[in-house]
Amino acid sequence: ESEIQTQEIALSDLLGKNLKVTYQGYSTTSSYQEGNYFSVNAASGNTLIIMKINVKNTGKKNAKIDLISKNVTFYGCFNGTDRIVEKKILGTKNLSTYQGKIKPGKSIKTVLAFEVSKKQADEISTQNLQVEMDGQMYQVTM
């Protein structure tokens, strides 16, 4: 078997120095709303998987996160099936477009959204995250 090995990258390394990343699980929903100014809806027969990711600054200085400039795209693999490209949401909590500072000792809650069929969402046993950066695909470890 000549399966191409995807390099691994820790999500904390992708984001920056002195950051601790914790995966807080996922929820499924037909629409995702952030505050009262932003929402995204799944197409009929589909559902959104919202992966929740906590990022904590463990350092002594402000941690700056700027994933827009890194031009990353996340992919979700659920039950080991095909990669699903993230649904880029313009909310301030969206990890792939997050820009901001985290003060020392503080945490932010971020999300990644994926749209899948309701049937697929009902049967999730495994979730894997991959990220494409500079044309290279990485397996993300939390």
Protein backbone atom coordinates (compact mmCIF):
# COMPACT_ATOMS: atom_id res chain seq x y z
CA GLU A 1 0.00 0.00 0.00
CA SER A 2 1.47 3.30 -1.05
CA GLU A 3 -0.84 5.54 0.91
CA ILE A 4 0.46 9.08 1.07
CA GLN A 5 1.29 9.93 4.65
CA THR A 6 -0.15 13.25 5.62
CA GLN A 7 2.17 15.21 7.85
CA GLU A 8 0.83 16.01 11.28
CA ILE A 9 0.61 19.48 12.72
CA ALA A 10 -0.50 20.40 16.21
CA LEU A 11 -3.26 22.98 16.13
CA SER A 12 -1.43 24.95 18.80
CA ASP A 13 1.67 25.16 16.55
CA LEU A 14 -0.45 26.33 13.66
CA LEU A 15 -1.92 29.13 15.77
CA GLY A 16 1.21 30.43 17.47
CA LYS A 17 3.43 30.19 20.53
CA ASN A 18 2.34 29.53 24.13
CA LEU A 19 -1.15 28.46 23.17
CA LYS A 20 -3.01 25.49 24.59
CA VAL A 21 -5.77 24.13 22.38
CA THR A 22 -8.61 22.03 23.76
CA TYR A 23 -11.24 20.35 21.62
CA GLN A 24 -14.57 20.77 23.41
CA GLY A 25 -16.59 18.40 21.24
CA TYR A 26 -19.19 19.25 18.65
CA SER A 27 -22.85 20.00 18.32
CA THR A 28 -25.21 19.62 15.39
CA THR A 29 -27.68 22.28 14.39
CA SER A 30 -29.70 23.41 11.37
CA SER A 31 -28.50 26.98 11.83
CA TYR A 32 -25.60 28.58 13.62
CA GLN A 33 -26.01 32.01 15.10
CA GLU A 34 -23.45 34.26 16.70
CA GLY A 35 -24.94 37.08 18.69
CA ASN A 36 -27.82 38.68 16.83
CA TYR A 37 -25.83 39.79 13.83
CA PHE A 38 -24.60 36.67 12.14
CA SER A 39 -26.15 33.34 11.20
CA VAL A 40 -25.64 30.56 8.69
CA ASN A 41 -28.15 27.87 7.74
CA ALA A 42 -27.70 24.34 6.47
CA ALA A 43 -29.37 23.41 3.19
CA SER A 44 -32.50 21.30 3.29
CA GLY A 45 -31.73 17.73 4.40
CA ASN A 46 -28.37 18.81 5.79
CA THR A 47 -27.12 19.81 9.20
CA LEU A 48 -24.19 21.81 10.49
CA ILE A 49 -21.52 20.24 12.65
CA ILE A 50 -20.06 22.91 14.90
CA MET A 51 -16.70 21.84 16.30
CA LYS A 52 -15.85 23.81 19.43
CA ILE A 53 -12.21 24.64 20.07
CA ASN A 54 -10.88 26.49 23.08
CA VAL A 55 -7.59 28.37 22.77
CA LYS A 56 -5.77 29.49 25.92
CA ASN A 57 -2.74 31.76 26.15
CA THR A 58 -0.34 30.06 28.55
CA GLY A 59 2.41 32.64 28.03
CA LYS A 60 3.22 35.90 29.79
CA LYS A 61 2.60 38.20 26.81
CA ASN A 62 -0.38 38.85 24.56
CA ALA A 63 -0.72 36.10 21.97
CA LYS A 64 -1.64 37.30 18.51
CA ILE A 65 -3.57 34.93 16.28
CA ASP A 66 -3.98 35.73 12.62
CA LEU A 67 -5.16 32.82 10.53
CA ILE A 68 -6.48 35.02 7.71
CA SER A 69 -2.94 35.90 6.70
CA LYS A 70 -1.94 32.22 6.82
CA ASN A 71 -4.72 31.45 4.34
CA VAL A 72 -5.68 28.12 5.87
CA THR A 73 -8.60 25.88 5.00
CA PHE A 74 -9.83 23.26 7.43
CA TYR A 75 -11.41 19.96 6.43
CA GLY A 76 -13.47 17.66 8.59
CA CYS A 77 -13.39 13.88 8.22
CA PHE A 78 -16.31 12.23 9.95
CA ASN A 79 -16.33 8.44 10.36
CA GLY A 80 -13.23 8.32 8.19
CA THR A 81 -15.17 9.31 5.08
CA ASP A 82 -14.36 11.92 2.49
CA ARG A 83 -12.94 15.24 3.53
CA ILE A 84 -15.54 17.96 3.83
CA VAL A 85 -14.33 21.49 3.39
CA GLU A 86 -15.26 23.82 6.21
CA LYS A 87 -18.13 26.23 5.79
CA LYS A 88 -16.33 29.54 6.07
CA ILE A 89 -18.46 31.57 8.38
CA LEU A 90 -17.82 35.23 8.83
CA GLY A 91 -18.49 35.25 12.54
CA THR A 92 -15.82 36.49 14.92
CA LYS A 93 -15.47 33.02 16.47
CA ASN A 94 -14.61 31.22 13.25
CA LEU A 95 -11.17 29.69 13.79
CA SER A 96 -9.97 29.75 10.20
CA THR A 97 -10.54 33.48 9.87
CA TYR A 98 -9.69 34.41 13.45
CA GLN A 99 -7.69 37.56 14.00
CA GLY A 100 -7.10 38.89 17.45
CA LYS A 101 -5.11 38.89 20.65
CA ILE A 102 -5.48 36.71 23.70
CA LYS A 103 -4.26 38.18 26.97
CA PRO A 104 -1.99 36.07 29.19
CA GLY A 105 -3.97 33.40 31.04
CA LYS A 106 -7.13 34.11 29.04
CA SER A 107 -9.02 31.84 26.65
CA ILE A 108 -11.13 32.29 23.56
CA LYS A 109 -13.82 29.97 22.27
CA THR A 110 -13.66 29.34 18.54
CA VAL A 111 -15.66 27.18 16.15
CA LEU A 112 -15.33 25.37 12.85
CA ALA A 113 -18.49 24.58 10.90
CA PHE A 114 -19.05 21.72 8.47
CA GLU A 115 -22.20 20.94 6.53
CA VAL A 116 -23.14 17.27 6.15
CA SER A 117 -26.25 15.25 5.44
CA LYS A 118 -28.50 14.66 8.43
CA LYS A 119 -27.96 10.91 8.01
CA GLN A 120 -24.20 11.33 8.25
CA ALA A 121 -24.52 13.63 11.26
CA ASP A 122 -26.64 11.04 13.08
CA GLU A 123 -23.92 8.42 12.79
CA ILE A 124 -20.73 10.22 13.77
CA SER A 125 -18.32 7.99 15.62
CA THR A 126 -15.00 9.63 14.74
CA GLN A 127 -13.98 13.16 13.84
CA ASN A 128 -10.67 14.15 12.34
CA LEU A 129 -9.47 17.55 11.34
CA GLN A 130 -7.16 18.34 8.46
CA VAL A 131 -5.83 21.67 7.34
CA GLU A 132 -4.49 22.88 4.03
CA MET A 133 -1.78 25.50 4.23
CA ASP A 134 0.51 26.60 1.40
CA GLY A 135 -0.84 23.81 -0.79
CA GLN A 136 0.15 21.15 1.77
CA MET A 137 -2.38 19.02 3.61
CA TYR A 138 -1.78 18.26 7.30
CA GLN A 139 -3.50 15.99 9.78
CA VAL A 140 -4.38 18.22 12.74
CA THR A 141 -3.68 16.98 16.25
CA MET A 142 -5.31 18.67 19.22
